[in-house]
Protein backbone atom coordinates (compact mmCIF):
# COMPACT_ATOMS: atom_id res chain seq x y z
CA UNK A 1 0.00 0.00 0.00
CA UNK A 2 1.40 3.39 -0.98
CA UNK A 3 1.63 6.45 1.21
CA UNK A 4 2.12 9.60 -0.76
CA UNK A 5 3.10 12.66 0.99
CA UNK A 6 36.56 -9.36 15.93
CA UNK A 7 40.07 -9.57 14.83
CA UNK A 8 41.29 -8.50 11.43
CA UNK A 9 42.25 -11.26 9.03
CA UNK A 10 44.63 -11.01 6.07
CA UNK A 11 42.98 -10.00 2.77
CA UNK A 12 41.45 -12.88 0.87
CA UNK A 13 42.25 -13.83 -2.71
CA UNK A 14 40.15 -15.55 -5.34
CA UNK A 15 42.11 -17.44 -8.03
CA UNK A 16 45.12 -15.19 -7.31
CA UNK A 17 43.04 -12.11 -8.05
CA UNK A 18 43.07 -8.97 -5.88
CA UNK A 19 40.94 -9.09 -2.73
CA UNK A 20 37.45 -7.62 -2.82
CA UNK A 21 35.19 -5.99 -0.25
CA UNK A 22 31.94 -7.16 -1.88
CA UNK A 23 30.44 -10.40 -0.59
CA UNK A 24 27.48 -12.61 -1.46
CA UNK A 25 25.52 -14.25 1.37
CA UNK A 26 23.70 -17.41 0.28
CA UNK A 27 21.43 -19.14 2.85
CA UNK A 28 21.39 -22.95 2.80
CA UNK A 29 17.69 -23.05 3.69
CA UNK A 30 14.72 -21.05 4.97
CA UNK A 31 15.44 -18.23 7.44
CA UNK A 32 13.38 -17.38 10.53
CA UNK A 33 13.66 -13.86 11.91
CA UNK A 34 11.58 -12.58 14.84
CA UNK A 35 8.58 -14.78 14.26
CA UNK A 36 8.20 -17.78 16.62
CA UNK A 37 4.68 -17.83 18.08
CA UNK A 38 2.52 -20.45 19.83
CA UNK A 39 -0.28 -22.06 17.86
CA UNK A 40 -3.64 -22.15 19.61
CA UNK A 41 -6.53 -20.04 20.73
CA UNK A 42 -5.78 -16.29 21.07
CA UNK A 43 -2.35 -16.69 19.48
CA UNK A 44 -1.25 -14.88 16.36
CA UNK A 45 1.30 -15.55 13.67
CA UNK A 46 3.91 -12.90 13.00
CA UNK A 47 5.21 -12.71 9.46
CA UNK A 48 8.92 -13.33 8.98
CA UNK A 49 10.84 -10.08 8.82
CA UNK A 50 12.55 -9.80 5.46
CA UNK A 51 15.09 -8.85 4.31
CA UNK A 52 17.51 -9.25 7.22
CA UNK A 53 18.45 -5.85 8.63
CA UNK A 54 21.87 -4.32 9.10
CA UNK A 55 22.28 -5.54 12.67
CA UNK A 56 21.49 -9.14 11.70
CA UNK A 57 23.84 -9.05 8.71
CA UNK A 58 26.64 -7.53 10.82
CA UNK A 59 26.24 -10.39 13.31
CA UNK A 60 26.28 -12.93 10.46
CA UNK A 61 29.51 -11.42 9.12
CA UNK A 62 30.99 -11.02 12.63
CA UNK A 63 31.68 -7.44 11.57
CA UNK A 64 34.21 -5.57 13.76
CA UNK A 65 33.18 -2.24 15.28
CA UNK A 66 35.70 -0.32 13.14
CA UNK A 67 34.10 -1.49 9.87
CA UNK A 68 31.00 -0.40 8.00
CA UNK A 69 28.43 -2.14 5.87
CA UNK A 70 26.50 -1.32 2.70
CA UNK A 71 23.40 -3.31 1.77
CA UNK A 72 21.66 -5.62 1.62
CA UNK A 73 21.29 -5.61 -2.13
CA UNK A 74 20.45 -8.64 -4.25
CA UNK A 75 22.72 -10.69 -6.50
CA UNK A 76 21.92 -12.92 -9.46
CA UNK A 77 23.98 -13.93 -12.51
CA UNK A 78 26.75 -11.39 -11.65
CA UNK A 79 24.20 -8.54 -11.54
CA UNK A 80 23.22 -6.34 -8.59
CA UNK A 81 19.48 -5.82 -8.06
CA UNK A 82 17.48 -3.40 -5.91
CA UNK A 83 13.72 -3.06 -5.27
CA UNK A 84 11.76 -1.35 -8.02
CA UNK A 85 10.92 2.17 -6.72
CA UNK A 86 7.37 2.82 -5.53
CA UNK A 87 6.09 5.41 -8.09
CA UNK A 88 6.49 3.02 -11.03
CA UNK A 89 3.49 1.86 -13.04
CA UNK A 90 2.35 0.08 -16.17
CA UNK A 91 -0.82 0.88 -18.12
CA UNK A 92 -0.93 -2.21 -20.32
CA UNK A 93 -2.16 -4.48 -17.52
CA UNK A 94 -3.19 -7.29 -19.92
CA UNK A 95 0.42 -8.08 -20.80
CA UNK A 96 3.47 -8.84 -18.69
CA UNK A 97 4.25 -5.64 -16.72
CA UNK A 98 7.94 -6.52 -16.79
CA UNK A 99 8.04 -5.56 -20.48
CA UNK A 100 7.02 -1.91 -20.21
CA UNK A 101 7.17 0.40 -17.18
CA UNK A 102 6.88 4.13 -16.53
CA UNK A 103 7.43 6.37 -13.54
CA UNK A 104 4.96 8.76 -12.01
CA UNK A 105 5.75 12.47 -12.17
CA UNK A 106 5.28 15.07 -9.45
CA UNK A 107 3.07 17.79 -10.88
CA UNK A 108 0.76 20.33 -9.22
CA UNK A 109 1.30 18.94 -5.74
CA UNK A 110 0.54 15.31 -6.55
CA UNK A 111 1.94 12.23 -8.25
CA UNK A 112 0.53 11.88 -11.77
CA UNK A 113 0.86 9.46 -14.65
CA UNK A 114 2.61 10.67 -17.77
CA UNK A 115 0.48 12.79 -20.17
CA UNK A 116 0.17 10.00 -22.74
CA UNK A 117 -1.53 7.79 -20.14
CA UNK A 118 -4.05 10.19 -18.68
CA UNK A 119 -7.48 8.65 -18.11
CA UNK A 120 -6.12 5.14 -18.62
CA UNK A 121 -6.15 2.30 -16.14
CA UNK A 122 -2.75 1.84 -14.52
CA UNK A 123 -1.22 -0.67 -12.13
CA UNK A 124 1.39 0.37 -9.58
CA UNK A 125 4.15 -2.23 -9.84
CA UNK A 126 6.73 -0.46 -7.65
CA UNK A 127 7.87 -2.69 -4.81
CA UNK A 128 6.65 -5.87 -6.54
CA UNK A 129 9.83 -6.56 -8.51
CA UNK A 130 13.60 -6.20 -8.37
CA UNK A 131 15.42 -4.17 -11.01
CA UNK A 132 19.09 -4.39 -11.95
CA UNK A 133 21.25 -1.40 -11.07
CA UNK A 134 22.06 -0.55 -14.68
CA UNK A 135 18.39 -0.77 -15.66
CA UNK A 136 17.40 1.51 -12.77
CA UNK A 137 19.81 4.24 -13.83
CA UNK A 138 18.72 4.15 -17.48
CA UNK A 139 15.02 3.90 -16.61
CA UNK A 140 15.09 6.74 -14.09
CA UNK A 141 16.80 9.12 -16.50
CA UNK A 142 14.39 8.34 -19.35
CA UNK A 143 11.22 8.04 -17.24
CA UNK A 144 10.18 4.92 -19.12
CA UNK A 145 11.56 1.61 -20.33
CA UNK A 146 10.32 -0.95 -22.82
CA UNK A 147 12.91 -3.57 -21.86
CA UNK A 148 13.67 -3.24 -18.15
CA UNK A 149 15.75 -5.91 -16.47
CA UNK A 150 13.14 -6.91 -13.87
CA UNK A 151 12.87 -10.02 -11.72
CA UNK A 152 9.97 -11.26 -9.61
CA UNK A 153 10.77 -11.13 -5.90
CA UNK A 154 13.09 -14.15 -5.52
CA UNK A 155 11.76 -15.42 -2.20
CA UNK A 156 8.68 -16.97 -0.68
CA UNK A 157 7.22 -17.33 2.80
CA UNK A 158 6.86 -20.79 4.32
CA UNK A 159 5.06 -21.72 7.55
CA UNK A 160 6.69 -24.50 9.56
CA UNK A 161 5.18 -26.05 12.70
CA UNK A 162 6.95 -28.10 15.34
CA UNK A 163 6.85 -29.12 18.99
CA UNK A 164 8.05 -26.85 21.76
CA UNK A 165 11.53 -28.16 22.59
CA UNK A 166 14.15 -27.35 25.21
CA UNK A 167 17.83 -26.56 24.72
CA UNK A 168 18.57 -30.26 24.20
CA UNK A 169 15.86 -30.45 21.51
CA UNK A 170 13.66 -32.62 23.72
CA UNK A 171 9.90 -32.13 23.43
CA UNK A 172 8.72 -30.21 26.50
CA UNK A 173 4.97 -30.37 25.88
CA UNK A 174 3.09 -32.98 23.92
CA UNK A 175 0.65 -30.41 22.54
CA UNK A 176 2.98 -27.42 22.56
CA UNK A 177 3.11 -26.66 18.87
CA UNK A 178 4.72 -23.54 17.47
CA UNK A 179 4.28 -21.92 14.08
CA UNK A 180 7.46 -20.64 12.52
CA UNK A 181 7.22 -18.22 9.63
CA UNK A 182 10.30 -18.52 7.43
CA UNK A 183 11.55 -17.04 4.18
CA UNK A 184 13.17 -19.17 1.47
CA UNK A 185 15.24 -17.58 -1.29
CA UNK A 186 15.14 -18.91 -4.83
CA UNK A 187 18.12 -20.91 -6.02
CA UNK A 188 21.03 -19.00 -7.59
CA UNK A 189 20.04 -15.84 -5.68
CA UNK A 190 22.09 -14.26 -2.89
CA UNK A 191 22.13 -11.20 -0.70
CA UNK A 192 24.94 -8.79 -1.56
CA UNK A 193 26.83 -6.53 0.87
CA UNK A 194 29.90 -4.33 0.81
CA UNK A 195 32.28 -4.35 3.78
CA UNK A 196 34.16 -1.08 4.27
CA UNK A 197 37.28 -1.67 6.34
CA UNK A 198 40.24 -3.99 6.76
CA UNK A 199 38.32 -7.19 7.40
CA UNK A 200 37.65 -10.49 5.67
CA UNK A 201 34.49 -12.34 6.79
CA UNK A 202 34.47 -16.09 7.40
CA UNK A 203 33.47 -18.45 4.60
CA UNK A 204 30.46 -19.73 6.60
CA UNK A 205 28.19 -18.30 9.24
CA UNK A 206 24.60 -18.54 10.50
CA UNK A 207 21.56 -16.28 10.28
CA UNK A 208 18.12 -16.23 11.86
CA UNK A 209 16.50 -17.85 14.88
CA UNK A 210 17.16 -21.36 13.58
CA UNK A 211 20.82 -20.68 12.85
CA UNK A 212 20.47 -21.29 9.12
CA UNK A 213 23.93 -21.84 7.57
CA UNK A 214 25.01 -19.05 5.20
CA UNK A 215 27.81 -19.31 2.63
CA UNK A 216 29.85 -16.10 2.35
CA UNK A 217 31.87 -15.60 -0.83
CA UNK A 218 33.85 -12.65 -2.26
CA UNK A 219 32.39 -11.03 -5.36
CA UNK A 220 34.15 -8.85 -7.91
CA UNK A 221 32.40 -5.50 -8.38
CA UNK A 222 30.69 -5.01 -11.75
CA UNK A 223 30.69 -1.21 -11.93
CA UNK A 224 28.72 -0.54 -8.77
CA UNK A 225 30.42 2.76 -7.95
CA UNK A 226 27.15 4.55 -8.77
CA UNK A 227 25.87 3.43 -5.36
CA UNK A 228 28.25 5.96 -3.75
CA UNK A 229 28.59 8.49 -6.58
CA UNK A 230 28.72 12.26 -6.08
CA UNK A 231 25.58 14.15 -7.07
CA UNK A 232 26.00 17.84 -6.16
CA UNK A 233 22.77 18.99 -7.85
CA UNK A 234 20.40 16.32 -6.56
CA UNK A 235 16.66 16.98 -6.79
CA UNK A 236 15.61 13.73 -5.13
CA UNK A 237 16.60 10.23 -4.08
CA UNK A 238 15.59 6.57 -4.23
CA UNK A 239 15.81 4.52 -1.02
CA UNK A 240 17.78 1.33 -1.71
CA UNK A 241 17.80 -0.19 1.82
CA UNK A 242 15.40 -0.05 4.75
CA UNK A 243 15.59 3.15 6.82
CA UNK A 244 14.97 4.06 10.48
CA UNK A 245 14.33 7.80 10.78
CA UNK A 246 13.02 9.89 13.65
CA UNK A 247 11.55 13.36 13.86
CA UNK A 248 13.19 15.35 16.64
CA UNK A 249 12.52 16.34 19.37
CA UNK A 250 9.41 14.12 19.51
CA UNK A 251 11.42 11.02 18.52
CA UNK A 252 8.49 9.72 16.48
CA UNK A 253 9.18 7.58 13.43
CA UNK A 254 8.80 9.21 10.01
CA UNK A 255 9.01 7.59 6.55
CA UNK A 256 11.38 10.23 5.14
CA UNK A 257 14.83 11.63 6.02
CA UNK A 258 14.81 14.30 8.77
CA UNK A 259 15.12 17.16 6.31
CA UNK A 260 12.94 19.38 4.13
CA UNK A 261 10.90 17.13 1.81
CA UNK A 262 8.65 18.36 -1.00
CA UNK A 263 7.10 14.97 -1.78
CA UNK A 264 7.61 11.29 -1.17
CA UNK A 265 6.15 7.89 -2.05
CA UNK A 266 6.78 5.07 0.43
CA UNK A 267 5.43 1.64 1.25
CA UNK A 268 3.80 0.99 4.62
CA UNK A 269 6.31 0.89 7.48
CA UNK A 270 7.46 -2.31 9.19
CA UNK A 271 7.21 -2.49 13.01
CA UNK A 272 10.62 -2.31 14.63
CA UNK A 273 11.88 -2.77 18.18
CA UNK A 274 15.35 -3.19 19.61
CA UNK A 275 16.88 -3.92 23.01
CA UNK A 276 18.47 -1.34 25.31
CA UNK A 277 19.79 -1.36 28.88
CA UNK A 278 18.19 0.82 31.56
CA UNK A 279 18.65 1.18 35.29
CA UNK A 280 16.49 -1.24 37.26
CA UNK A 281 14.11 0.19 39.82
CA UNK A 282 15.58 0.19 43.32
CA UNK A 283 14.01 -2.21 45.82
CA UNK A 284 14.17 -2.49 49.60
CA UNK A 285 17.53 -3.81 50.75
CA UNK A 286 19.38 -2.64 47.61
CA UNK A 287 20.12 0.88 48.79
CA UNK A 288 23.83 0.09 49.31
CA UNK A 289 24.21 -1.98 46.16
CA UNK A 290 25.20 -0.64 42.71
CA UNK A 291 22.06 -0.11 40.70
CA UNK A 292 21.51 -2.96 38.27
CA UNK A 293 20.90 -2.50 34.56
CA UNK A 294 18.35 -4.60 32.76
CA UNK A 295 17.41 -5.07 29.10
CA UNK A 296 14.07 -3.76 27.87
CA UNK A 297 12.48 -3.33 24.46
CA UNK A 298 12.54 0.17 23.03
CA UNK A 299 9.29 1.95 22.15
CA UNK A 300 7.99 0.87 18.77
CA UNK A 301 9.59 2.41 15.70
CA UNK A 302 8.83 1.95 12.02
CA UNK A 303 11.30 0.82 9.38
CA UNK A 304 10.64 2.28 5.91
CA UNK A 305 11.13 -0.47 3.30
CA UNK A 306 13.45 0.02 0.36
CA UNK A 307 11.89 1.47 -2.79
CA UNK A 308 10.69 4.81 -1.40
CA UNK A 309 11.29 7.95 -3.48
CA UNK A 310 11.90 11.47 -2.13
CA UNK A 311 11.93 14.92 -3.70
CA UNK A 312 13.89 17.60 -1.85
CA UNK A 313 12.32 20.90 -0.91
CA UNK A 314 15.18 23.18 -1.93
CA UNK A 315 18.87 22.33 -1.64
CA UNK A 316 19.71 18.64 -1.25
CA UNK A 317 20.83 17.77 2.31
CA UNK A 318 23.62 15.50 1.02
CA UNK A 319 25.91 15.62 -2.01
CA UNK A 320 26.87 11.95 -2.26
CA UNK A 321 24.83 8.78 -2.61
CA UNK A 322 25.01 6.38 0.33
CA UNK A 323 23.44 5.76 3.75
CA UNK A 324 21.95 8.99 5.11
CA UNK A 325 23.89 10.15 8.24
CA UNK A 326 22.05 9.12 11.39
CA UNK A 327 22.64 10.44 14.95
CA UNK A 328 22.29 6.89 16.27
CA UNK A 329 25.05 5.72 13.88
CA UNK A 330 22.76 3.20 12.20
CA UNK A 331 23.98 4.35 8.80
CA UNK A 332 27.27 2.48 9.41
CA UNK A 333 25.25 -0.74 9.06
CA UNK A 334 23.71 0.28 5.75
CA UNK A 335 20.35 1.67 6.88
CA UNK A 336 18.82 4.44 4.77
CA UNK A 337 20.95 4.11 1.63
CA UNK A 338 19.88 6.90 -0.74
CA UNK A 339 20.72 6.91 -4.43
CA UNK A 340 20.61 10.57 -5.47
CA UNK A 341 19.26 11.79 -8.80
C-alpha cells in the first residue's frame, strides 16, 4: 500500500586475483527472523521479517566495530538488483508488466501518470519486482523503459510447525506446537553486501532464529560505484535499503529523512523494536548496592522499506549517494541508503 506525501584477518584472494570488499551471502535453507509464536486459541502468527536488517547481517559477518556495511542488495547472474521504486506503473495491464514500465511524475502537488496515459487504467508495480542497477539508472533518466531488467521477488514465505523443545531439543509439551514463519530464497540468488574496512568475513556463518547456515563468498564489483557516486545537484533520491528515521525532538518515526521534503512515495512501514539497557528500579535492601541494569524493548519504531522515493524541498541535504547520516550511527550498518538523482 502506498503512502504519498573481531580480529582483522589477512585480505582474501580468489584465483590469485586482488581481494574484494563485496560479498554474497547465500542461505542454505529457509530463514526465521523474529517470528516464533505459539499455535492455539488467542495466538497470532507474526510474518517473517525480510530482508535481514543491518544488525542481523553484521552479526552474520561477525563485523568488527571499526568497519561499516552497505546493503543488503540482491545478487543474481553477476548482476546487482534493488527493489523497483514505488512510483512506477504500467498501463498495459493485460500483458506482462515486466516488459514496459513508466514512472509517475510530481506535478501540481501530486503524483501523476505521464500525459500519454491520462485517463487510462494503470497498475502500480513499484515494490513488486527487483530491477538491476544498470536498468534503474537508465530507466530513471528516461522516465520509461520498454525492456527493463526486472525479476519477480526471488523469495517466498513458508510456515513451519513443530513441537516446543528445550535446549537439548527434547519435546517439552506434547501439545505445545509452534508456528514458525520462514523465508526461502530462490536458487542461484544471494544477498549482496559491501564491507568497508580492513576485514575479511568467514566463509560460513549462521543467520536467523534457527541458525540457518550461510555461505559467504567474495564477489568482484561489476561497476557498482554509482551506489556511492557524487551528485551535487540532486533533486531527489531513491531509497535502496530499509531506513529508520526519527523526527526530533518528539522522537516519532517518520518515513522520510529528517530534512525538508517536498514529496515522497513510500510503502507501509514495518514495526521495529530493539533492546536497550536501563537502570532497574531500586528495591528495599538494595540501597547500598550498585544499581543494576536490565534489558528492555525500546518503544515501537517503524522501518521504511526500500523502494521509497523522495523529492527535496530546496537544496539537497547531502551531495553523495550512500546511507543517510544518522545520529544513532545506524547508517554504518547500511540503513537508509539513498541513491541521489
